[in-house]
Amino acid sequence: MPPKPHNRDAFELFQSHFDQLLNPAHELVQLARKIDWDRFEAAFAGGYSPDLGVPAKATRLMVGLQYLKYTFNESDESVVARWVENPYWQYFCGYTHLQHECPIHPTSMSRWRKRVGADRLIRDIRRKASHPDEALATLLERADRVRQQQPHDTHKLYSLHEPDVQCISKGKAHKRYEFGRTCLPSFPVMS
């Protein structure tokens, strides 16, 4: 079911509006004002059934949380937890008053990504950058590789920026794996 408009409760009448509290020069305030949020609403409208299921969360909230997650290198759980503590993040996601509870459960983020399709971003970048430079082409190739890999695949890509990172089995019960590079020992060069 598509998202429903945000209902304001009586408690918000007695709170200060974010426009009175936040610094208008802050990067997230400026970015939130420049983004065409209606374009996201239109782009994702086809992913909802008008009759089935509970109403979805607001598209701006979900897009905003995804942006904050990747920009600040957070997990689904940590971005939702930090959202409660950061009024700039709340403003960026479309709220006008301070919220004291998490807007969603962290698992909603992965379900939303599956609904709208993770490959959509890669496709849009390829369409808009028809002749990417070498660095962007490499990044897109790695993103495709990550998107297509399965849980039991060998030779997985664990890091987009460090493709040599490997999963190393340590054999210890409390910490079975670590991620890093296996290096050959370096020997002194004799002249």
N, C-alpha and C. Protein backbone atom coordinates (compact mmCIF):
# COMPACT_ATOMS: atom_id res chain seq x y z
N MET A 1 0.85 -1.17 0.00
CA MET A 1 0.00 0.00 0.00
C MET A 1 0.90 1.24 0.00
N PRO A 2 0.55 2.26 -0.77
CA PRO A 2 1.40 3.45 -0.83
C PRO A 2 1.48 4.18 0.51
N PRO A 3 2.50 5.03 0.69
CA PRO A 3 2.62 5.77 1.95
C PRO A 3 1.47 6.74 2.14
N LYS A 4 1.09 6.92 3.38
CA LYS A 4 0.06 7.91 3.71
C LYS A 4 0.73 9.19 4.18
N PRO A 5 0.07 10.34 4.02
CA PRO A 5 0.67 11.59 4.51
C PRO A 5 0.88 11.55 6.01
N HIS A 6 1.90 12.27 6.46
CA HIS A 6 2.25 12.32 7.89
C HIS A 6 1.15 13.07 8.64
N ASN A 7 0.59 12.41 9.67
CA ASN A 7 -0.42 13.05 10.52
C ASN A 7 0.26 13.75 11.67
N ARG A 8 -0.07 14.99 11.87
CA ARG A 8 0.50 15.74 12.99
C ARG A 8 -0.36 15.50 14.22
N ASP A 9 0.30 15.24 15.32
CA ASP A 9 -0.45 15.05 16.56
C ASP A 9 -0.47 16.35 17.36
N ALA A 10 -1.28 16.38 18.39
CA ALA A 10 -1.44 17.59 19.20
C ALA A 10 -0.15 17.99 19.89
N PHE A 11 0.71 17.02 20.20
CA PHE A 11 1.97 17.31 20.88
C PHE A 11 2.86 18.23 20.03
N GLU A 12 2.80 18.11 18.70
CA GLU A 12 3.62 18.93 17.83
C GLU A 12 3.24 20.42 17.90
N LEU A 13 2.01 20.72 18.31
CA LEU A 13 1.59 22.11 18.40
C LEU A 13 2.40 22.89 19.43
N PHE A 14 2.92 22.19 20.43
CA PHE A 14 3.64 22.84 21.51
C PHE A 14 5.15 22.73 21.38
N GLN A 15 5.64 22.14 20.28
CA GLN A 15 7.06 22.02 20.06
C GLN A 15 7.54 23.12 19.12
N SER A 16 8.84 23.39 19.21
CA SER A 16 9.44 24.35 18.30
C SER A 16 9.65 23.68 16.95
N HIS A 17 9.37 24.44 15.91
CA HIS A 17 9.54 23.96 14.54
C HIS A 17 11.03 23.95 14.20
N PHE A 18 11.47 22.98 13.40
CA PHE A 18 12.88 22.89 13.03
C PHE A 18 13.38 24.16 12.35
N ASP A 19 12.51 24.86 11.64
CA ASP A 19 12.95 26.11 10.98
C ASP A 19 13.42 27.15 11.98
N GLN A 20 12.94 27.07 13.22
CA GLN A 20 13.35 28.00 14.27
C GLN A 20 14.61 27.54 14.98
N LEU A 21 14.94 26.26 14.89
CA LEU A 21 16.04 25.71 15.68
C LEU A 21 17.31 25.42 14.89
N LEU A 22 17.17 24.97 13.66
CA LEU A 22 18.32 24.49 12.91
C LEU A 22 19.03 25.61 12.15
N ASN A 23 20.31 25.41 11.94
CA ASN A 23 21.13 26.35 11.19
C ASN A 23 20.79 26.20 9.70
N PRO A 24 20.26 27.24 9.06
CA PRO A 24 19.91 27.11 7.64
C PRO A 24 21.11 26.93 6.72
N ALA A 25 22.32 27.19 7.22
CA ALA A 25 23.53 27.01 6.41
C ALA A 25 24.09 25.58 6.50
N HIS A 26 23.51 24.75 7.34
CA HIS A 26 23.99 23.36 7.48
C HIS A 26 23.80 22.63 6.15
N GLU A 27 24.76 21.73 5.83
CA GLU A 27 24.75 21.05 4.54
C GLU A 27 23.48 20.24 4.31
N LEU A 28 23.00 19.54 5.32
CA LEU A 28 21.81 18.72 5.14
C LEU A 28 20.55 19.55 4.98
N VAL A 29 20.49 20.71 5.63
CA VAL A 29 19.34 21.60 5.46
C VAL A 29 19.32 22.12 4.03
N GLN A 30 20.47 22.55 3.54
CA GLN A 30 20.53 23.06 2.17
C GLN A 30 20.24 21.96 1.15
N LEU A 31 20.79 20.77 1.36
CA LEU A 31 20.55 19.67 0.43
C LEU A 31 19.08 19.27 0.42
N ALA A 32 18.46 19.22 1.60
CA ALA A 32 17.05 18.84 1.69
C ALA A 32 16.17 19.81 0.91
N ARG A 33 16.56 21.06 0.88
CA ARG A 33 15.77 22.07 0.15
C ARG A 33 16.00 22.01 -1.35
N LYS A 34 17.13 21.48 -1.78
CA LYS A 34 17.44 21.41 -3.21
C LYS A 34 16.93 20.15 -3.89
N ILE A 35 16.70 19.09 -3.13
CA ILE A 35 16.27 17.82 -3.71
C ILE A 35 14.80 17.91 -4.10
N ASP A 36 14.48 17.38 -5.29
CA ASP A 36 13.10 17.29 -5.75
C ASP A 36 12.51 15.98 -5.21
N TRP A 37 11.93 16.03 -4.01
CA TRP A 37 11.44 14.83 -3.34
C TRP A 37 10.26 14.22 -4.08
N ASP A 38 9.47 15.04 -4.77
CA ASP A 38 8.33 14.51 -5.53
C ASP A 38 8.77 13.58 -6.65
N ARG A 39 9.97 13.80 -7.14
CA ARG A 39 10.49 12.93 -8.19
C ARG A 39 10.69 11.50 -7.67
N PHE A 40 11.13 11.37 -6.42
CA PHE A 40 11.26 10.05 -5.82
C PHE A 40 9.90 9.40 -5.63
N GLU A 41 8.92 10.21 -5.19
CA GLU A 41 7.56 9.69 -5.02
C GLU A 41 7.05 9.11 -6.33
N ALA A 42 7.24 9.83 -7.41
CA ALA A 42 6.77 9.38 -8.72
C ALA A 42 7.54 8.15 -9.19
N ALA A 43 8.85 8.12 -8.95
CA ALA A 43 9.66 7.00 -9.42
C ALA A 43 9.33 5.70 -8.70
N PHE A 44 8.98 5.77 -7.42
CA PHE A 44 8.73 4.56 -6.65
C PHE A 44 7.25 4.22 -6.51
N ALA A 45 6.38 5.01 -7.09
CA ALA A 45 4.94 4.78 -6.95
C ALA A 45 4.52 3.43 -7.52
N GLY A 46 5.19 2.95 -8.55
CA GLY A 46 4.83 1.67 -9.15
C GLY A 46 5.17 0.47 -8.29
N GLY A 47 5.93 0.65 -7.24
CA GLY A 47 6.32 -0.45 -6.37
C GLY A 47 5.32 -0.77 -5.28
N TYR A 48 4.19 -0.07 -5.25
CA TYR A 48 3.20 -0.26 -4.19
C TYR A 48 1.88 -0.72 -4.78
N SER A 49 1.23 -1.62 -4.07
CA SER A 49 -0.11 -2.07 -4.45
C SER A 49 -1.11 -1.18 -3.72
N PRO A 50 -2.13 -0.68 -4.41
CA PRO A 50 -3.07 0.23 -3.73
C PRO A 50 -3.96 -0.46 -2.71
N ASP A 51 -4.10 -1.80 -2.80
CA ASP A 51 -5.05 -2.49 -1.94
C ASP A 51 -4.43 -3.40 -0.89
N LEU A 52 -3.19 -3.82 -1.10
CA LEU A 52 -2.62 -4.86 -0.24
C LEU A 52 -1.66 -4.30 0.80
N GLY A 53 -1.66 -4.93 1.96
CA GLY A 53 -0.66 -4.64 2.98
C GLY A 53 -0.94 -3.40 3.79
N VAL A 54 -0.05 -3.19 4.75
CA VAL A 54 -0.14 -1.99 5.58
C VAL A 54 0.43 -0.81 4.80
N PRO A 55 0.04 0.41 5.13
CA PRO A 55 0.61 1.55 4.42
C PRO A 55 2.13 1.63 4.61
N ALA A 56 2.80 1.96 3.55
CA ALA A 56 4.26 2.05 3.58
C ALA A 56 4.69 3.31 4.31
N LYS A 57 5.94 3.32 4.72
CA LYS A 57 6.51 4.53 5.31
C LYS A 57 6.72 5.57 4.21
N ALA A 58 6.83 6.81 4.61
CA ALA A 58 6.99 7.90 3.64
C ALA A 58 8.22 7.68 2.78
N THR A 59 8.09 7.93 1.50
CA THR A 59 9.20 7.74 0.56
C THR A 59 10.37 8.64 0.93
N ARG A 60 10.10 9.88 1.34
CA ARG A 60 11.18 10.78 1.71
C ARG A 60 11.96 10.25 2.91
N LEU A 61 11.27 9.67 3.87
CA LEU A 61 11.94 9.08 5.03
C LEU A 61 12.86 7.95 4.58
N MET A 62 12.36 7.06 3.74
CA MET A 62 13.14 5.90 3.33
C MET A 62 14.32 6.30 2.44
N VAL A 63 14.09 7.22 1.51
CA VAL A 63 15.19 7.68 0.65
C VAL A 63 16.21 8.43 1.49
N GLY A 64 15.74 9.27 2.41
CA GLY A 64 16.64 10.03 3.27
C GLY A 64 17.50 9.13 4.14
N LEU A 65 16.89 8.10 4.72
CA LEU A 65 17.65 7.16 5.55
C LEU A 65 18.68 6.39 4.73
N GLN A 66 18.32 6.01 3.51
CA GLN A 66 19.29 5.31 2.65
C GLN A 66 20.47 6.24 2.33
N TYR A 67 20.17 7.50 2.03
CA TYR A 67 21.24 8.46 1.73
C TYR A 67 22.15 8.63 2.95
N LEU A 68 21.57 8.81 4.12
CA LEU A 68 22.36 9.01 5.33
C LEU A 68 23.19 7.77 5.65
N LYS A 69 22.62 6.60 5.42
CA LYS A 69 23.34 5.35 5.68
C LYS A 69 24.62 5.29 4.86
N TYR A 70 24.52 5.56 3.57
CA TYR A 70 25.69 5.44 2.71
C TYR A 70 26.64 6.62 2.84
N THR A 71 26.11 7.80 3.10
CA THR A 71 26.97 8.98 3.24
C THR A 71 27.83 8.90 4.50
N PHE A 72 27.24 8.45 5.59
CA PHE A 72 27.96 8.42 6.86
C PHE A 72 28.44 7.02 7.23
N ASN A 73 28.39 6.10 6.27
CA ASN A 73 28.92 4.75 6.43
C ASN A 73 28.33 4.06 7.66
N GLU A 74 27.02 4.03 7.73
CA GLU A 74 26.30 3.43 8.85
C GLU A 74 25.65 2.12 8.42
N SER A 75 25.30 1.30 9.38
CA SER A 75 24.51 0.11 9.11
C SER A 75 23.03 0.50 9.20
N ASP A 76 22.14 -0.41 8.82
CA ASP A 76 20.71 -0.13 8.94
C ASP A 76 20.34 0.18 10.38
N GLU A 77 20.89 -0.59 11.31
CA GLU A 77 20.57 -0.41 12.73
C GLU A 77 21.10 0.92 13.26
N SER A 78 22.35 1.24 12.91
CA SER A 78 22.95 2.46 13.48
C SER A 78 22.37 3.73 12.87
N VAL A 79 21.99 3.70 11.59
CA VAL A 79 21.43 4.92 11.01
C VAL A 79 20.06 5.23 11.63
N VAL A 80 19.28 4.20 11.94
CA VAL A 80 17.98 4.42 12.58
C VAL A 80 18.18 4.90 14.01
N ALA A 81 19.14 4.34 14.72
CA ALA A 81 19.41 4.77 16.10
C ALA A 81 19.94 6.20 16.15
N ARG A 82 20.86 6.54 15.26
CA ARG A 82 21.42 7.90 15.24
C ARG A 82 20.40 8.92 14.76
N TRP A 83 19.43 8.49 13.96
CA TRP A 83 18.39 9.39 13.45
C TRP A 83 17.64 10.04 14.61
N VAL A 84 17.38 9.27 15.65
CA VAL A 84 16.65 9.79 16.81
C VAL A 84 17.44 10.90 17.50
N GLU A 85 18.75 10.81 17.46
CA GLU A 85 19.61 11.76 18.17
C GLU A 85 19.96 12.99 17.36
N ASN A 86 19.67 13.01 16.07
CA ASN A 86 20.16 14.07 15.21
C ASN A 86 19.01 14.82 14.54
N PRO A 87 18.72 16.04 14.98
CA PRO A 87 17.61 16.79 14.37
C PRO A 87 17.86 17.14 12.91
N TYR A 88 19.11 17.28 12.49
CA TYR A 88 19.40 17.56 11.08
C TYR A 88 19.02 16.36 10.21
N TRP A 89 19.26 15.16 10.71
CA TRP A 89 18.87 13.96 9.97
C TRP A 89 17.34 13.87 9.89
N GLN A 90 16.66 14.22 10.98
CA GLN A 90 15.20 14.18 10.98
C GLN A 90 14.64 15.20 9.99
N TYR A 91 15.20 16.39 9.98
CA TYR A 91 14.76 17.41 9.03
C TYR A 91 14.99 16.95 7.60
N PHE A 92 16.16 16.36 7.34
CA PHE A 92 16.48 15.88 6.00
C PHE A 92 15.47 14.85 5.52
N CYS A 93 14.95 14.04 6.46
CA CYS A 93 14.00 12.99 6.11
C CYS A 93 12.55 13.48 6.10
N GLY A 94 12.34 14.79 6.22
CA GLY A 94 11.00 15.35 6.04
C GLY A 94 10.22 15.67 7.29
N TYR A 95 10.83 15.55 8.44
CA TYR A 95 10.12 15.86 9.68
C TYR A 95 10.30 17.33 10.03
N THR A 96 9.29 17.91 10.67
CA THR A 96 9.33 19.33 11.00
C THR A 96 9.53 19.59 12.49
N HIS A 97 9.33 18.54 13.30
CA HIS A 97 9.49 18.65 14.74
C HIS A 97 10.34 17.49 15.24
N LEU A 98 10.98 17.68 16.38
CA LEU A 98 11.86 16.66 16.95
C LEU A 98 11.08 15.40 17.30
N GLN A 99 11.59 14.26 16.86
CA GLN A 99 10.99 12.96 17.14
C GLN A 99 11.81 12.27 18.24
N HIS A 100 11.14 11.53 19.10
CA HIS A 100 11.80 10.89 20.23
C HIS A 100 11.85 9.37 20.10
N GLU A 101 11.29 8.84 19.03
CA GLU A 101 11.28 7.41 18.80
C GLU A 101 11.75 7.11 17.38
N CYS A 102 12.26 5.91 17.19
CA CYS A 102 12.71 5.49 15.86
C CYS A 102 11.51 5.46 14.91
N PRO A 103 11.68 5.96 13.70
CA PRO A 103 10.56 6.01 12.77
C PRO A 103 10.22 4.64 12.18
N ILE A 104 11.20 3.74 12.12
CA ILE A 104 11.01 2.43 11.52
C ILE A 104 11.86 1.41 12.26
N HIS A 105 11.59 0.16 12.02
CA HIS A 105 12.48 -0.90 12.49
C HIS A 105 13.58 -1.03 11.44
N PRO A 106 14.83 -1.28 11.84
CA PRO A 106 15.93 -1.34 10.87
C PRO A 106 15.72 -2.33 9.73
N THR A 107 14.97 -3.40 9.97
CA THR A 107 14.75 -4.37 8.89
C THR A 107 13.88 -3.80 7.77
N SER A 108 13.15 -2.73 8.07
CA SER A 108 12.34 -2.10 7.02
C SER A 108 13.20 -1.53 5.90
N MET A 109 14.42 -1.15 6.23
CA MET A 109 15.30 -0.58 5.21
C MET A 109 15.69 -1.61 4.16
N SER A 110 16.03 -2.82 4.60
CA SER A 110 16.41 -3.85 3.62
C SER A 110 15.18 -4.29 2.82
N ARG A 111 14.02 -4.36 3.46
CA ARG A 111 12.80 -4.72 2.72
C ARG A 111 12.48 -3.65 1.68
N TRP A 112 12.69 -2.38 2.03
CA TRP A 112 12.41 -1.29 1.09
C TRP A 112 13.38 -1.34 -0.09
N ARG A 113 14.65 -1.63 0.18
CA ARG A 113 15.63 -1.75 -0.91
C ARG A 113 15.24 -2.87 -1.87
N LYS A 114 14.74 -3.98 -1.33
CA LYS A 114 14.31 -5.07 -2.20
C LYS A 114 13.09 -4.67 -3.02
N ARG A 115 12.22 -3.87 -2.43
CA ARG A 115 11.01 -3.45 -3.12
C ARG A 115 11.33 -2.54 -4.31
N VAL A 116 12.20 -1.58 -4.12
CA VAL A 116 12.49 -0.63 -5.20
C VAL A 116 13.57 -1.15 -6.13
N GLY A 117 14.34 -2.15 -5.71
CA GLY A 117 15.35 -2.75 -6.57
C GLY A 117 16.69 -2.07 -6.43
N ALA A 118 17.69 -2.82 -5.89
CA ALA A 118 19.03 -2.26 -5.69
C ALA A 118 19.73 -2.00 -7.01
N ASP A 119 19.38 -2.75 -8.06
CA ASP A 119 20.04 -2.54 -9.37
C ASP A 119 19.59 -1.27 -10.07
N ARG A 120 18.51 -0.58 -9.57
CA ARG A 120 17.98 0.62 -10.20
C ARG A 120 19.01 1.75 -10.18
N LEU A 121 19.74 1.92 -9.07
CA LEU A 121 20.75 2.98 -8.95
C LEU A 121 21.87 2.78 -9.97
N ILE A 122 22.35 1.56 -10.09
CA ILE A 122 23.42 1.27 -11.05
C ILE A 122 22.94 1.57 -12.46
N ARG A 123 21.73 1.16 -12.77
CA ARG A 123 21.17 1.41 -14.11
C ARG A 123 21.04 2.91 -14.39
N ASP A 124 20.58 3.66 -13.41
CA ASP A 124 20.44 5.11 -13.61
C ASP A 124 21.79 5.79 -13.83
N ILE A 125 22.79 5.37 -13.09
CA ILE A 125 24.12 5.97 -13.27
C ILE A 125 24.66 5.65 -14.66
N ARG A 126 24.47 4.41 -15.10
CA ARG A 126 24.93 4.05 -16.46
C ARG A 126 24.20 4.83 -17.53
N ARG A 127 22.93 5.08 -17.31
CA ARG A 127 22.14 5.83 -18.30
C ARG A 127 22.58 7.29 -18.35
N LYS A 128 22.84 7.87 -17.19
CA LYS A 128 23.19 9.29 -17.14
C LYS A 128 24.64 9.55 -17.49
N ALA A 129 25.51 8.59 -17.23
CA ALA A 129 26.93 8.74 -17.57
C ALA A 129 27.24 7.72 -18.66
N SER A 130 26.82 8.03 -19.87
CA SER A 130 26.96 7.06 -20.96
C SER A 130 28.42 6.78 -21.30
N HIS A 131 29.30 7.71 -21.05
CA HIS A 131 30.74 7.53 -21.30
C HIS A 131 31.51 7.80 -20.00
N PRO A 132 31.44 6.84 -19.04
CA PRO A 132 32.10 7.08 -17.75
C PRO A 132 33.62 7.05 -17.89
N ASP A 133 34.27 7.81 -17.01
CA ASP A 133 35.74 7.76 -16.99
C ASP A 133 36.17 6.41 -16.39
N GLU A 134 37.45 6.17 -16.36
CA GLU A 134 37.97 4.87 -15.94
C GLU A 134 37.59 4.54 -14.50
N ALA A 135 37.67 5.53 -13.62
CA ALA A 135 37.38 5.29 -12.20
C ALA A 135 35.90 4.92 -12.00
N LEU A 136 35.00 5.64 -12.66
CA LEU A 136 33.57 5.35 -12.53
C LEU A 136 33.24 4.00 -13.16
N ALA A 137 33.85 3.69 -14.29
CA ALA A 137 33.60 2.40 -14.94
C ALA A 137 34.03 1.24 -14.03
N THR A 138 35.17 1.40 -13.36
CA THR A 138 35.65 0.37 -12.43
C THR A 138 34.69 0.22 -11.26
N LEU A 139 34.23 1.34 -10.71
CA LEU A 139 33.29 1.31 -9.59
C LEU A 139 31.97 0.65 -9.98
N LEU A 140 31.46 0.95 -11.18
CA LEU A 140 30.22 0.33 -11.64
C LEU A 140 30.39 -1.17 -11.87
N GLU A 141 31.54 -1.57 -12.39
CA GLU A 141 31.82 -2.99 -12.59
C GLU A 141 31.83 -3.73 -11.24
N ARG A 142 32.45 -3.12 -10.24
CA ARG A 142 32.50 -3.73 -8.92
C ARG A 142 31.11 -3.76 -8.28
N ALA A 143 30.32 -2.71 -8.48
CA ALA A 143 28.96 -2.67 -7.93
C ALA A 143 28.11 -3.78 -8.54
N ASP A 144 28.25 -4.02 -9.84
CA ASP A 144 27.55 -5.13 -10.48
C ASP A 144 27.98 -6.46 -9.89
N ARG A 145 29.27 -6.60 -9.65
CA ARG A 145 29.80 -7.84 -9.09
C ARG A 145 29.23 -8.10 -7.69
N VAL A 146 29.17 -7.05 -6.86
CA VAL A 146 28.61 -7.19 -5.51
C VAL A 146 27.13 -7.53 -5.58
N ARG A 147 26.41 -6.88 -6.48
CA ARG A 147 24.97 -7.11 -6.60
C ARG A 147 24.65 -8.55 -7.03
N GLN A 148 25.50 -9.13 -7.86
CA GLN A 148 25.23 -10.45 -8.41
C GLN A 148 25.78 -11.59 -7.55
N GLN A 149 26.69 -11.31 -6.62
CA GLN A 149 27.27 -12.42 -5.85
C GLN A 149 26.26 -12.99 -4.87
N GLN A 150 26.40 -14.27 -4.63
CA GLN A 150 25.50 -15.03 -3.77
C GLN A 150 26.23 -15.41 -2.48
N PRO A 151 25.49 -15.79 -1.41
CA PRO A 151 26.12 -16.09 -0.13
C PRO A 151 27.21 -17.16 -0.17
N HIS A 152 27.06 -18.17 -1.01
CA HIS A 152 28.03 -19.27 -1.01
C HIS A 152 29.03 -19.16 -2.16
N ASP A 153 29.10 -18.03 -2.83
CA ASP A 153 30.08 -17.84 -3.91
C ASP A 153 31.49 -17.79 -3.34
N THR A 154 32.45 -18.23 -4.14
CA THR A 154 33.85 -18.05 -3.78
C THR A 154 34.36 -16.80 -4.48
N HIS A 155 35.47 -16.29 -4.03
CA HIS A 155 36.08 -15.08 -4.60
C HIS A 155 35.11 -13.89 -4.57
N LYS A 156 34.51 -13.66 -3.41
CA LYS A 156 33.58 -12.53 -3.26
C LYS A 156 34.34 -11.22 -3.20
N LEU A 157 33.64 -10.16 -3.52
CA LEU A 157 34.17 -8.81 -3.38
C LEU A 157 33.59 -8.26 -2.08
N TYR A 158 34.45 -7.98 -1.10
CA TYR A 158 34.00 -7.51 0.20
C TYR A 158 34.08 -6.00 0.35
N SER A 159 34.86 -5.34 -0.49
CA SER A 159 35.02 -3.89 -0.38
C SER A 159 35.15 -3.30 -1.78
N LEU A 160 34.33 -2.28 -2.06
CA LEU A 160 34.40 -1.64 -3.37
C LEU A 160 35.71 -0.90 -3.57
N HIS A 161 36.23 -0.33 -2.51
CA HIS A 161 37.43 0.51 -2.64
C HIS A 161 38.72 -0.26 -2.38
N GLU A 162 38.63 -1.43 -1.79
CA GLU A 162 39.79 -2.28 -1.55
C GLU A 162 39.46 -3.68 -2.06
N PRO A 163 39.55 -3.92 -3.37
CA PRO A 163 39.11 -5.20 -3.92
C PRO A 163 39.95 -6.40 -3.49
N ASP A 164 41.11 -6.17 -2.91
CA ASP A 164 41.97 -7.27 -2.48
C ASP A 164 41.62 -7.83 -1.10
N VAL A 165 40.64 -7.24 -0.43
CA VAL A 165 40.24 -7.70 0.90
C VAL A 165 39.63 -9.08 0.79
N GLN A 166 40.03 -9.96 1.70
CA GLN A 166 39.55 -11.34 1.71
C GLN A 166 39.00 -11.69 3.08
N CYS A 167 38.16 -12.70 3.11
CA CYS A 167 37.67 -13.25 4.36
C CYS A 167 38.68 -14.30 4.81
N ILE A 168 39.27 -14.11 5.98
CA ILE A 168 40.32 -14.99 6.48
C ILE A 168 39.77 -15.77 7.66
N SER A 169 39.81 -17.09 7.56
CA SER A 169 39.34 -17.95 8.65
C SER A 169 40.43 -18.03 9.72
N LYS A 170 40.05 -17.66 10.95
CA LYS A 170 41.02 -17.68 12.05
C LYS A 170 40.95 -18.98 12.84
N GLY A 171 39.81 -19.67 12.77
CA GLY A 171 39.68 -20.92 13.49
C GLY A 171 39.43 -20.76 14.98
N LYS A 172 39.13 -19.57 15.45
CA LYS A 172 38.86 -19.36 16.87
C LYS A 172 37.35 -19.29 17.08
N ALA A 173 36.90 -19.82 18.19
CA ALA A 173 35.46 -19.91 18.43
C ALA A 173 34.82 -18.54 18.61
N HIS A 174 35.49 -17.61 19.28
CA HIS A 174 34.88 -16.31 19.57
C HIS A 174 34.96 -15.34 18.39
N LYS A 175 35.91 -15.55 17.52
CA LYS A 175 36.05 -14.67 16.35
C LYS A 175 36.56 -15.54 15.20
N ARG A 176 35.61 -16.14 14.50
CA ARG A 176 35.99 -17.13 13.50
C ARG A 176 36.61 -16.53 12.25
N TYR A 177 36.21 -15.31 11.88
CA TYR A 177 36.68 -14.72 10.64
C TYR A 177 37.15 -13.30 10.87
N GLU A 178 38.05 -12.85 10.02
CA GLU A 178 38.40 -11.44 9.96
C GLU A 178 38.60 -11.11 8.49
N PHE A 179 38.58 -9.82 8.20
CA PHE A 179 38.72 -9.38 6.82
C PHE A 179 40.01 -8.58 6.68
N GLY A 180 40.74 -8.87 5.65
CA GLY A 180 42.01 -8.18 5.42
C GLY A 180 42.69 -8.76 4.19
N ARG A 181 43.95 -8.43 4.05
CA ARG A 181 44.73 -8.92 2.91
C ARG A 181 45.76 -9.91 3.41
N THR A 182 45.92 -10.98 2.68
CA THR A 182 46.99 -11.90 3.00
C THR A 182 48.19 -11.48 2.16
N CYS A 183 49.28 -11.27 2.80
CA CYS A 183 50.47 -10.79 2.13
C CYS A 183 51.57 -11.85 2.17
N LEU A 184 52.33 -11.89 1.14
CA LEU A 184 53.50 -12.74 1.14
C LEU A 184 54.58 -12.08 1.99
N PRO A 185 55.37 -12.85 2.73
CA PRO A 185 56.41 -12.22 3.55
C PRO A 185 57.42 -11.54 2.65
N SER A 186 57.84 -10.39 3.08
CA SER A 186 58.84 -9.68 2.29
C SER A 186 60.23 -10.05 2.79
N PHE A 187 61.07 -10.31 1.86
CA PHE A 187 62.45 -10.68 2.19
C PHE A 187 63.36 -9.53 1.83
N PRO A 188 64.41 -9.33 2.61
CA PRO A 188 65.34 -8.24 2.28
C PRO A 188 66.02 -8.51 0.94
N VAL A 189 66.16 -7.48 0.19
CA VAL A 189 66.80 -7.59 -1.11
C VAL A 189 68.30 -7.51 -0.92
N MET A 190 69.00 -8.50 -1.42
CA MET A 190 70.46 -8.53 -1.27
C MET A 190 71.08 -7.93 -2.54
N SER A 191 72.03 -7.09 -2.36
CA SER A 191 72.66 -6.50 -3.54
C SER A 191 74.04 -7.04 -3.78
